[in-house]
Amino acid sequence: MKLKIKQFIISSIVALPAFGQEASFSSSEALKEVSISLEQAINRARSVSVDAEVARNQLRSAYWSFRSYKAQLLPEVNFKGTLPSYHKQYSSYMNEEGSYSFVHNNYLQLTGELSVKQNIWLTGGTVAVNTYLDFYRQLGERAYNRFMSIPASITLTQPIFGVNNLKWNRKIEPVRYEEAKAAFMTASENVAENAIRYYFSLLMAKENIVIANQNLENAERLYEVAKEKREMGRISQNDLLQMELNLLNAKSEMTNCESDVKNSMFQLRSFLDYDESVNLSTEIPLSVPEVEIRYENALERALKNNSFSKQMLRIQLEADYEVAKAKGSQREINLFAQLGFTGTAHNFAEAYSTLRPNQVVEIGVEVPILDWGRRKGLVKVAESNRSLVESQVRQETQNFRQNLFILIERYGNQLRQLQTARRADEIAQKRYETNVETFLIGKISTLDLNDSRVKKDEARREYINELYLFWLYYYQIRSLTLWDYASNKGIESDIEEILN
């Protein structure tokens, strides 16, 4: 009979609740239980989290900005008109001798112009085909109509020495859009990193409450056993007081752990867009992608896929663009030429049948004669800024390479650390079970038992923490390289579906 009681006490002390199972507390019964794995949490975060929605909106903004740029390269059809313009007023009029008088006007005017305009990205100019009609009706006693038409005209506007904005935009905007797409996929991986942080925060909090609950039960049972041993004179009063102190500490720790669980639960629920009626049940991701990642391969993929390399290229191009604009502002020569026909008549048909040439050629010149070196100074400033940008790009590239190297080294070490922590957790658990049995037969002190309990708890927490760091490093490498190492393929997103 004594042997059965002893076995029951041992099994009660060392029995662990299911790993990751949340200890019950007062409000849990009213909650809807939802079991969620780490992978499910990541997928849901990418779909419904606020961070994911922000990333999608940034992508949409970049897409429409790129669409606007592409529209500049296509023909643009415009209609411009005044429908109508009515005047009944006095206006000044200069007589032949130079004096002014006021005359009364009473007329109605309608104008309409249809144009097709095309930007020329190769030269930076603009060519347009226009058709124009102006209708004028004099009102009053001597009413009459007047039409003026320009059936067709071709207009060319061309800067001679100025910067070709379209040509530079043709270089910069596609790079900017590719940068935005890569940044979106990186942001999606960053959402996964945040999901991992919140998930493991709740996982650790729940494991702490499991440990605290187990320690509290153990402390209660051991205290009862210690009181019986004290009555039999097998332990000292000091050992009995130590067991009572352990019980009080266990109760205090239990209260703190319950609060931590509630806080971590609220954070993960909010991030994953669950309401407060849901109680999330987390589970340990027992399997991990044990893949070897080499720095050379990771660097090649990062420089090809990551938005960083595209950002550095864009910054360099923008610096070159600023230099080109500064140099182009030193002198400006603009060509304007218009060729076509025009006609005027008192009726609509004759305004289009009797046509005369309508030709305009203008060359505008603006060359500074004395500006005290202002334009030259602007060029020097732009060139200095470009040199600064080149230095910053080199430094940022070096830092990027270094950070990637350190991250891959940490990942490789973390895989070994995880294996060690898993084994240490198993050993500490078995050691504690053995020490409990040894304590019950009086062969070790409470200090030795407490030491094994502390080591057991520390080993369990360390294992979860090492697991968390592994997943964090793994997804950080994914975000930098945009490569899925588990499936050995690039990370892609259905951009069209997201934009629609």
Protein backbone atom coordinates (compact mmCIF):
# COMPACT_ATOMS: atom_id res chain seq x y z
CA MET A 1 0.00 0.00 0.00
CA LYS A 2 2.84 2.40 0.88
CA LEU A 3 4.50 1.61 -2.46
CA LYS A 4 1.30 2.52 -4.37
CA ILE A 5 0.98 5.81 -2.49
CA LYS A 6 4.61 6.63 -3.20
CA GLN A 7 4.17 5.92 -6.92
CA PHE A 8 1.05 8.07 -7.02
CA ILE A 9 2.91 11.01 -5.42
CA ILE A 10 5.82 10.69 -7.85
CA SER A 11 3.56 10.54 -10.91
CA SER A 12 1.56 13.54 -9.66
CA ILE A 13 4.72 15.60 -9.20
CA VAL A 14 6.51 14.85 -12.46
CA ALA A 15 3.52 14.54 -14.80
CA LEU A 16 3.57 17.41 -17.29
CA PRO A 17 0.48 18.77 -19.00
CA ALA A 18 0.41 18.46 -22.77
CA PHE A 19 3.16 20.68 -24.15
CA GLY A 20 1.75 24.04 -25.16
CA GLN A 21 -1.62 23.43 -23.48
CA GLU A 22 -2.86 26.51 -21.69
CA ALA A 23 -3.59 26.24 -18.00
CA SER A 24 -7.16 27.15 -17.35
CA PHE A 25 -8.09 30.46 -15.82
CA SER A 26 -11.38 32.01 -14.92
CA SER A 27 -12.34 33.66 -18.23
CA SER A 28 -11.18 30.90 -20.60
CA GLU A 29 -14.44 28.95 -20.46
CA ALA A 30 -16.33 31.80 -22.11
CA LEU A 31 -13.89 31.92 -25.04
CA LYS A 32 -14.11 30.10 -28.35
CA GLU A 33 -11.09 27.79 -28.65
CA VAL A 34 -9.18 28.12 -31.94
CA SER A 35 -6.09 25.98 -32.48
CA ILE A 36 -3.55 27.65 -34.76
CA SER A 37 -0.12 26.50 -35.93
CA LEU A 38 2.81 28.78 -36.71
CA GLU A 39 2.31 28.30 -40.44
CA GLN A 40 -1.39 29.12 -40.17
CA ALA A 41 -0.59 32.24 -38.14
CA ILE A 42 1.89 33.41 -40.79
CA ASN A 43 -0.56 32.80 -43.65
CA ARG A 44 -3.36 34.61 -41.83
CA ALA A 45 -1.08 37.54 -40.98
CA ARG A 46 -0.16 37.91 -44.65
CA SER A 47 -3.84 38.00 -45.52
CA VAL A 48 -5.66 40.05 -42.88
CA SER A 49 -3.13 41.93 -40.73
CA VAL A 50 -2.90 45.71 -40.84
CA ASP A 51 0.79 45.47 -41.81
CA ALA A 52 -0.12 43.34 -44.82
CA GLU A 53 -2.83 45.80 -45.90
CA VAL A 54 -0.34 48.68 -45.64
CA ALA A 55 2.09 46.76 -47.88
CA ARG A 56 -0.66 46.10 -50.44
CA ASN A 57 -1.67 49.78 -50.52
CA GLN A 58 1.95 50.82 -51.03
CA LEU A 59 2.17 48.41 -53.94
CA ARG A 60 -1.04 49.76 -55.46
CA SER A 61 0.26 53.32 -55.14
CA ALA A 62 3.50 52.35 -56.89
CA TYR A 63 1.55 50.55 -59.61
CA TRP A 64 -0.62 53.55 -60.45
CA SER A 65 2.40 55.82 -60.38
CA PHE A 66 4.03 53.51 -62.92
CA ARG A 67 0.85 53.46 -65.00
CA SER A 68 0.85 57.26 -65.02
CA TYR A 69 4.43 57.26 -66.27
CA LYS A 70 3.62 54.78 -69.05
CA ALA A 71 0.65 56.92 -70.09
CA GLN A 72 3.09 59.76 -70.83
CA LEU A 73 4.56 57.64 -73.63
CA LEU A 74 1.17 57.07 -75.31
CA PRO A 75 -0.86 59.47 -77.49
CA GLU A 76 -3.14 61.77 -75.55
CA VAL A 77 -6.46 62.98 -77.02
CA ASN A 78 -7.86 66.22 -75.60
CA PHE A 79 -10.81 68.44 -76.24
CA LYS A 80 -10.73 72.04 -75.09
CA GLY A 81 -13.52 74.52 -75.61
CA THR A 82 -15.59 77.44 -74.40
CA LEU A 83 -19.30 76.64 -74.59
CA PRO A 84 -20.26 79.49 -74.67
CA SER A 85 -18.68 82.85 -73.83
CA TYR A 86 -21.19 85.71 -73.70
CA HIS A 87 -20.17 89.39 -73.37
CA LYS A 88 -22.32 92.49 -73.03
CA GLN A 89 -20.05 95.22 -71.74
CA TYR A 90 -17.95 98.28 -72.48
CA SER A 91 -14.30 97.86 -73.33
CA SER A 92 -11.49 100.28 -74.12
CA TYR A 93 -10.59 101.00 -77.74
CA MET A 94 -7.58 102.96 -79.07
CA ASN A 95 -8.35 105.39 -81.87
CA GLU A 96 -6.02 106.10 -84.78
CA GLU A 97 -4.58 109.23 -83.14
CA GLY A 98 -3.73 107.27 -80.04
CA SER A 99 -6.59 108.35 -77.81
CA TYR A 100 -8.87 105.86 -76.08
CA SER A 101 -12.60 105.57 -76.09
CA PHE A 102 -15.09 103.02 -74.84
CA VAL A 103 -17.23 100.93 -77.13
CA HIS A 104 -20.15 98.70 -76.31
CA ASN A 105 -19.84 94.99 -77.09
CA ASN A 106 -22.64 92.49 -77.29
CA TYR A 107 -21.55 89.14 -78.68
CA LEU A 108 -21.56 85.39 -78.19
CA GLN A 109 -18.50 83.23 -78.81
CA LEU A 110 -17.98 79.47 -78.93
CA THR A 111 -14.61 77.78 -79.42
CA GLY A 112 -13.57 74.16 -79.70
CA GLU A 113 -10.22 72.46 -80.20
CA LEU A 114 -9.50 68.75 -80.63
CA SER A 115 -5.89 67.66 -80.36
CA VAL A 116 -3.87 64.46 -80.39
CA LYS A 117 -0.55 64.90 -78.58
CA GLN A 118 2.41 62.54 -78.47
CA ASN A 119 5.51 62.93 -76.34
CA ILE A 120 8.78 62.00 -78.04
CA TRP A 121 10.90 60.29 -75.39
CA LEU A 122 13.99 60.15 -77.64
CA THR A 123 14.26 63.94 -77.97
CA GLY A 124 12.08 65.17 -75.11
CA GLY A 125 9.81 67.12 -77.47
CA THR A 126 6.11 67.01 -78.18
CA VAL A 127 4.24 66.69 -81.48
CA ALA A 128 0.53 67.41 -81.76
CA VAL A 129 -2.16 67.35 -84.43
CA ASN A 130 -4.90 69.92 -83.85
CA THR A 131 -8.19 70.97 -85.37
CA TYR A 132 -9.82 74.21 -84.23
CA LEU A 133 -13.11 76.08 -84.79
CA ASP A 134 -14.08 79.53 -83.50
CA PHE A 135 -17.67 80.81 -83.86
CA TYR A 136 -18.44 84.49 -83.23
CA ARG A 137 -21.95 86.00 -83.31
CA GLN A 138 -22.45 89.71 -83.03
CA LEU A 139 -25.75 90.47 -81.31
CA GLY A 140 -27.94 93.53 -81.55
CA GLU A 141 -29.34 95.47 -84.51
CA ARG A 142 -26.51 94.55 -86.89
CA ALA A 143 -26.25 90.90 -85.95
CA TYR A 144 -24.00 88.63 -88.01
CA ASN A 145 -22.02 85.40 -87.72
CA ARG A 146 -18.32 84.79 -88.21
CA PHE A 147 -16.42 81.51 -88.36
CA MET A 148 -12.71 80.83 -88.20
CA SER A 149 -11.41 77.29 -88.76
CA ILE A 150 -8.09 75.52 -88.59
CA PRO A 151 -9.00 72.15 -90.15
CA ALA A 152 -5.62 70.62 -89.37
CA SER A 153 -2.27 71.73 -88.04
CA ILE A 154 0.87 70.02 -86.84
CA THR A 155 2.69 71.53 -83.88
CA LEU A 156 6.19 70.65 -82.72
CA THR A 157 7.61 71.79 -79.39
CA GLN A 158 11.23 70.83 -78.85
CA PRO A 159 13.81 71.88 -76.21
CA ILE A 160 17.27 72.03 -77.81
CA PHE A 161 19.73 71.94 -74.89
CA GLY A 162 17.49 71.33 -71.89
CA VAL A 163 17.31 68.06 -70.00
CA ASN A 164 15.21 65.32 -71.58
CA ASN A 165 12.84 64.52 -68.70
CA LEU A 166 11.07 61.74 -70.57
CA LYS A 167 14.32 59.95 -71.34
CA TRP A 168 15.39 60.05 -67.70
CA ASN A 169 11.95 58.93 -66.50
CA ARG A 170 12.20 56.02 -68.93
CA LYS A 171 15.34 54.96 -67.06
CA ILE A 172 14.14 55.63 -63.51
CA GLU A 173 10.44 54.70 -63.37
CA PRO A 174 10.74 51.01 -64.38
CA VAL A 175 13.46 50.58 -61.75
CA ARG A 176 11.25 52.32 -59.18
CA TYR A 177 8.36 49.96 -59.94
CA GLU A 178 10.55 46.85 -59.76
CA GLU A 179 11.82 48.19 -56.44
CA ALA A 180 8.24 48.57 -55.21
CA LYS A 181 7.33 45.00 -56.19
CA ALA A 182 10.40 43.59 -54.46
CA ALA A 183 9.69 45.80 -51.42
CA PHE A 184 6.16 44.39 -51.26
CA MET A 185 7.42 40.81 -51.16
CA THR A 186 9.99 41.79 -48.52
CA ALA A 187 7.22 43.46 -46.52
CA SER A 188 5.22 40.24 -46.74
CA GLU A 189 8.16 38.38 -45.21
CA ASN A 190 8.43 41.09 -42.54
CA VAL A 191 4.77 40.44 -41.70
CA ALA A 192 5.72 36.80 -41.22
CA GLU A 193 8.54 37.86 -38.87
CA ASN A 194 6.08 39.87 -36.76
CA ALA A 195 3.71 36.92 -36.70
CA ILE A 196 6.56 34.74 -35.43
CA ARG A 197 7.33 37.26 -32.67
CA TYR A 198 3.73 37.44 -31.46
CA TYR A 199 3.21 33.69 -31.83
CA PHE A 200 6.25 32.73 -29.79
CA SER A 201 5.49 35.42 -27.25
CA LEU A 202 2.17 33.71 -26.57
CA LEU A 203 3.78 30.29 -26.81
CA MET A 204 6.37 31.21 -24.19
CA ALA A 205 3.75 32.83 -21.96
CA LYS A 206 1.60 29.69 -22.12
CA GLU A 207 4.58 27.46 -21.44
CA ASN A 208 5.47 29.64 -18.47
CA ILE A 209 1.98 29.22 -17.07
CA VAL A 210 2.18 25.46 -17.63
CA ILE A 211 5.49 25.42 -15.77
CA ALA A 212 4.08 27.68 -13.06
CA ASN A 213 1.00 25.50 -12.68
CA GLN A 214 3.12 22.37 -12.47
CA ASN A 215 5.48 23.99 -9.96
CA LEU A 216 2.54 25.14 -7.86
CA GLU A 217 1.07 21.65 -7.75
CA ASN A 218 4.46 20.19 -6.97
CA ALA A 219 5.09 22.78 -4.25
CA GLU A 220 1.73 22.02 -2.62
CA ARG A 221 2.33 18.26 -2.64
CA LEU A 222 5.94 18.54 -1.54
CA TYR A 223 4.94 20.84 1.29
CA GLU A 224 2.41 18.29 2.51
CA VAL A 225 5.03 15.55 2.30
CA ALA A 226 7.56 17.80 4.10
CA LYS A 227 5.11 18.40 6.95
CA GLU A 228 4.67 14.67 7.41
CA LYS A 229 8.43 14.13 7.33
CA ARG A 230 8.90 16.91 9.87
CA GLU A 231 6.45 15.23 12.21
CA MET A 232 8.47 12.04 11.88
CA GLY A 233 11.71 13.98 12.45
CA ARG A 234 13.21 13.08 9.10
CA ILE A 235 13.82 16.72 7.96
CA SER A 236 14.73 19.91 9.77
CA GLN A 237 12.50 22.89 10.49
CA ASN A 238 14.61 24.89 8.05
CA ASP A 239 13.77 22.47 5.22
CA LEU A 240 10.07 22.71 6.07
CA LEU A 241 10.19 26.52 5.97
CA GLN A 242 12.01 26.35 2.65
CA MET A 243 9.22 24.20 1.18
CA GLU A 244 6.61 26.66 2.44
CA LEU A 245 8.56 29.53 0.88
CA ASN A 246 8.65 27.59 -2.41
CA LEU A 247 4.86 27.28 -2.25
CA LEU A 248 4.37 31.02 -1.76
CA ASN A 249 6.75 31.83 -4.61
CA ALA A 250 4.94 29.39 -6.88
CA LYS A 251 1.59 31.11 -6.18
CA SER A 252 3.08 34.52 -6.96
CA GLU A 253 4.66 33.26 -10.18
CA MET A 254 1.34 31.74 -11.23
CA THR A 255 -0.38 35.12 -10.94
CA ASN A 256 2.31 36.85 -13.02
CA CYS A 257 2.16 34.18 -15.72
CA GLU A 258 -1.63 34.47 -16.05
CA SER A 259 -1.23 38.19 -16.70
CA ASP A 260 1.48 37.58 -19.31
CA VAL A 261 -0.75 35.09 -21.13
CA LYS A 262 -3.58 37.59 -21.35
CA ASN A 263 -1.28 40.31 -22.70
CA SER A 264 0.34 38.03 -25.30
CA MET A 265 -3.05 36.63 -26.30
CA PHE A 266 -4.39 40.13 -26.89
CA GLN A 267 -1.40 41.08 -29.07
CA LEU A 268 -1.61 37.98 -31.27
CA ARG A 269 -5.40 38.19 -31.57
CA SER A 270 -5.20 41.82 -32.60
CA PHE A 271 -2.43 41.18 -35.13
CA LEU A 272 -4.32 38.27 -36.71
CA ASP A 273 -7.66 40.14 -36.63
CA TYR A 274 -9.47 37.83 -34.21
CA ASP A 275 -12.10 39.24 -31.87
CA GLU A 276 -11.88 38.98 -28.11
CA SER A 277 -14.21 35.97 -27.94
CA VAL A 278 -11.44 33.77 -29.42
CA ASN A 279 -8.91 31.90 -27.32
CA LEU A 280 -5.92 30.99 -29.50
CA SER A 281 -4.29 27.66 -28.77
CA THR A 282 -0.69 27.59 -29.98
CA GLU A 283 1.50 24.58 -30.62
CA ILE A 284 5.23 23.97 -30.82
CA PRO A 285 6.48 23.70 -34.45
CA LEU A 286 8.39 20.46 -33.85
CA SER A 287 9.78 20.22 -37.39
CA VAL A 288 12.06 22.92 -38.80
CA PRO A 289 13.54 23.32 -42.30
CA GLU A 290 17.08 22.08 -41.67
CA VAL A 291 18.54 23.49 -44.89
CA GLU A 292 22.11 24.65 -45.43
CA ILE A 293 22.40 28.23 -46.67
CA ARG A 294 25.68 29.38 -48.21
CA TYR A 295 26.63 33.03 -48.15
CA GLU A 296 27.72 33.21 -51.81
CA ASN A 297 24.41 31.82 -53.10
CA ALA A 298 22.38 33.95 -50.69
CA LEU A 299 24.25 37.11 -51.70
CA GLU A 300 23.68 36.43 -55.40
CA ARG A 301 19.95 35.96 -54.83
CA ALA A 302 19.72 38.99 -52.55
CA LEU A 303 21.41 41.30 -55.06
CA LYS A 304 19.13 39.97 -57.80
CA ASN A 305 15.79 39.85 -55.97
CA ASN A 306 15.88 42.24 -53.03
CA SER A 307 14.61 45.80 -53.36
CA PHE A 308 17.92 47.04 -51.93
CA SER A 309 19.89 46.66 -55.18
CA LYS A 310 17.07 48.28 -57.16
CA GLN A 311 16.87 51.10 -54.63
CA MET A 312 20.62 51.74 -54.93
CA LEU A 313 20.34 51.82 -58.74
CA ARG A 314 17.41 54.23 -58.56
CA ILE A 315 19.23 56.55 -56.16
CA GLN A 316 22.25 56.58 -58.48
CA LEU A 317 20.07 57.36 -61.52
CA GLU A 318 18.28 60.15 -59.67
CA ALA A 319 21.62 61.71 -58.74
CA ASP A 320 22.69 61.59 -62.40
CA TYR A 321 19.34 63.14 -63.34
CA GLU A 322 19.90 66.06 -60.98
CA VAL A 323 23.29 66.72 -62.58
CA ALA A 324 21.73 66.64 -66.05
CA LYS A 325 19.02 69.12 -64.97
CA ALA A 326 21.60 71.47 -63.48
CA LYS A 327 23.66 71.42 -66.67
CA GLY A 328 20.58 71.86 -68.85
CA SER A 329 19.53 74.98 -66.92
CA GLN A 330 22.72 76.79 -67.96
CA ARG A 331 21.17 77.66 -71.30
CA GLU A 332 17.75 77.07 -72.79
CA ILE A 333 16.73 77.08 -76.45
CA ASN A 334 13.20 76.00 -77.35
CA LEU A 335 11.83 75.43 -80.83
CA PHE A 336 8.13 75.89 -81.59
CA ALA A 337 6.80 75.22 -85.10
CA GLN A 338 3.22 75.00 -86.34
CA LEU A 339 2.16 74.17 -89.90
CA GLY A 340 -1.44 74.10 -91.13
CA PHE A 341 -4.25 75.97 -92.85
CA THR A 342 -6.91 78.37 -91.68
CA GLY A 343 -10.06 79.90 -93.12
CA THR A 344 -12.59 82.53 -92.16
CA ALA A 345 -16.10 83.22 -93.46
CA HIS A 346 -19.58 84.27 -92.44
CA ASN A 347 -20.87 80.70 -92.66
CA PHE A 348 -19.61 77.32 -91.60
CA ALA A 349 -19.04 75.73 -95.05
CA GLU A 350 -17.02 78.61 -96.51
CA ALA A 351 -14.81 78.68 -93.42
CA TYR A 352 -13.53 75.24 -94.50
CA SER A 353 -13.51 75.80 -98.29
CA THR A 354 -11.41 78.94 -98.55
CA LEU A 355 -8.18 78.11 -96.74
CA ARG A 356 -4.93 79.98 -96.36
CA PRO A 357 -1.56 78.87 -94.96
CA ASN A 358 -1.20 79.10 -91.20
CA GLN A 359 2.47 78.79 -90.22
CA VAL A 360 4.27 79.76 -87.05
CA VAL A 361 7.96 79.22 -86.23
CA GLU A 362 9.46 80.43 -82.98
CA ILE A 363 12.88 79.87 -81.43
CA GLY A 364 13.10 80.98 -77.85
CA VAL A 365 16.54 81.56 -76.35
CA GLU A 366 17.54 82.10 -72.75
CA VAL A 367 21.29 82.36 -72.19
CA PRO A 368 22.65 83.92 -68.97
CA ILE A 369 25.14 86.70 -69.58
CA LEU A 370 25.92 87.48 -65.97
CA ASP A 371 24.56 85.35 -63.13
CA TRP A 372 27.59 85.54 -60.81
CA GLY A 373 28.24 81.84 -61.15
CA ARG A 374 24.85 80.76 -59.81
CA ARG A 375 24.13 78.15 -62.49
CA LYS A 376 27.68 76.87 -62.42
CA GLY A 377 27.37 76.55 -58.66
CA LEU A 378 24.19 74.52 -59.04
CA VAL A 379 26.05 72.13 -61.34
CA LYS A 380 28.88 71.77 -58.81
CA VAL A 381 26.38 71.13 -56.02
CA ALA A 382 24.63 68.45 -58.08
CA GLU A 383 27.96 66.82 -58.96
CA SER A 384 29.04 66.87 -55.29
CA ASN A 385 25.73 65.32 -54.26
CA ARG A 386 26.21 62.62 -56.88
CA SER A 387 29.68 61.84 -55.51
CA LEU A 388 28.18 61.69 -52.04
CA VAL A 389 25.47 59.34 -53.25
CA GLU A 390 28.06 57.09 -54.89
CA SER A 391 29.95 56.88 -51.59
CA GLN A 392 26.75 56.17 -49.67
CA VAL A 393 25.74 53.47 -52.17
CA ARG A 394 29.11 51.76 -51.74
CA GLN A 395 28.82 51.97 -47.95
CA GLU A 396 25.23 50.72 -47.91
CA THR A 397 26.15 47.85 -50.23
CA GLN A 398 29.02 46.88 -47.95
CA ASN A 399 26.73 47.02 -44.90
CA PHE A 400 24.11 44.95 -46.72
CA ARG A 401 26.66 42.27 -47.53
CA GLN A 402 28.01 42.29 -43.99
CA ASN A 403 24.55 42.05 -42.39
CA LEU A 404 23.63 39.18 -44.69
CA PHE A 405 26.88 37.36 -43.83
CA ILE A 406 26.31 37.79 -40.08
CA LEU A 407 22.69 36.66 -40.40
CA ILE A 408 23.66 33.48 -42.27
CA GLU A 409 26.35 32.73 -39.70
CA ARG A 410 23.80 33.15 -36.91
CA TYR A 411 21.37 30.90 -38.75
CA GLY A 412 24.00 28.16 -39.10
CA ASN A 413 24.93 28.43 -35.44
CA GLN A 414 21.28 28.58 -34.40
CA LEU A 415 20.56 25.24 -36.00
CA ARG A 416 23.24 23.67 -33.81
CA GLN A 417 22.05 25.63 -30.78
CA LEU A 418 18.52 24.36 -31.33
CA GLN A 419 19.67 20.75 -31.41
CA THR A 420 21.66 21.29 -28.21
CA ALA A 421 18.73 23.02 -26.46
CA ARG A 422 16.37 20.20 -27.42
CA ARG A 423 18.69 17.62 -25.90
CA ALA A 424 19.30 19.75 -22.78
CA ASP A 425 15.54 20.01 -22.26
CA GLU A 426 15.18 16.22 -22.37
CA ILE A 427 18.06 15.71 -19.93
CA ALA A 428 16.84 18.37 -17.47
CA GLN A 429 13.37 16.84 -17.45
CA LYS A 430 14.69 13.35 -16.74
CA ARG A 431 17.03 14.71 -14.05
CA TYR A 432 14.16 16.42 -12.29
CA GLU A 433 12.04 13.28 -12.36
CA THR A 434 14.91 11.32 -10.84
CA ASN A 435 15.54 13.92 -8.13
CA VAL A 436 11.87 13.97 -7.13
CA GLU A 437 11.97 10.23 -6.55
CA THR A 438 15.26 10.53 -4.68
CA PHE A 439 13.88 13.32 -2.47
CA LEU A 440 10.88 11.22 -1.50
CA ILE A 441 13.14 8.52 -0.10
CA GLY A 442 15.21 11.15 1.72
CA LYS A 443 18.50 10.88 -0.10
CA ILE A 444 18.77 14.52 -1.34
CA SER A 445 17.96 17.87 0.22
CA THR A 446 15.39 20.45 -0.82
CA LEU A 447 18.20 22.60 -2.21
CA ASP A 448 19.17 19.89 -4.68
CA LEU A 449 15.53 19.36 -5.61
CA ASN A 450 15.00 23.09 -6.15
CA ASP A 451 18.14 23.30 -8.25
CA SER A 452 16.95 20.51 -10.55
CA ARG A 453 13.52 22.18 -10.85
CA VAL A 454 15.06 25.53 -11.79
CA LYS A 455 17.34 23.85 -14.33
CA LYS A 456 14.36 22.01 -15.81
CA ASP A 457 12.37 25.23 -16.24
CA GLU A 458 15.33 27.10 -17.67
CA ALA A 459 16.03 24.32 -20.16
CA ARG A 460 12.41 24.32 -21.34
CA ARG A 461 12.36 28.09 -21.78
CA GLU A 462 15.74 28.05 -23.49
CA TYR A 463 14.51 25.44 -25.96
CA ILE A 464 11.50 27.55 -26.93
CA ASN A 465 13.67 30.66 -27.19
CA GLU A 466 16.19 28.89 -29.43
CA LEU A 467 13.33 27.65 -31.59
CA TYR A 468 12.00 31.21 -31.84
CA LEU A 469 15.41 32.56 -32.88
CA PHE A 470 15.76 29.86 -35.52
CA TRP A 471 12.46 30.75 -37.20
CA LEU A 472 13.22 34.46 -36.92
CA TYR A 473 16.65 34.11 -38.59
CA TYR A 474 15.18 31.83 -41.25
CA TYR A 475 12.50 34.33 -42.26
CA GLN A 476 14.93 37.24 -42.11
CA ILE A 477 17.10 35.45 -44.67
CA ARG A 478 13.99 34.80 -46.76
CA SER A 479 13.10 38.50 -46.64
CA LEU A 480 16.59 39.52 -47.81
CA THR A 481 16.99 36.93 -50.56
CA LEU A 482 13.31 36.50 -51.49
CA TRP A 483 14.03 32.80 -51.80
CA ASP A 484 12.08 29.91 -50.26
CA TYR A 485 14.83 27.54 -49.13
CA ALA A 486 12.41 24.82 -48.05
CA SER A 487 11.05 24.42 -51.60
CA ASN A 488 14.22 25.78 -53.25
CA LYS A 489 12.45 28.34 -55.43
CA GLY A 490 11.98 32.09 -55.55
CA ILE A 491 9.30 33.81 -53.51
CA GLU A 492 6.64 35.18 -55.83
CA SER A 493 3.35 36.98 -55.40
CA ASP A 494 0.40 37.27 -57.76
CA ILE A 495 0.77 41.01 -58.32
CA GLU A 496 -2.16 41.20 -60.74
CA GLU A 497 -4.53 39.57 -58.26
CA ILE A 498 -3.38 41.92 -55.48
CA LEU A 499 -3.84 45.00 -57.66
CA ASN A 500 -7.29 43.91 -58.74
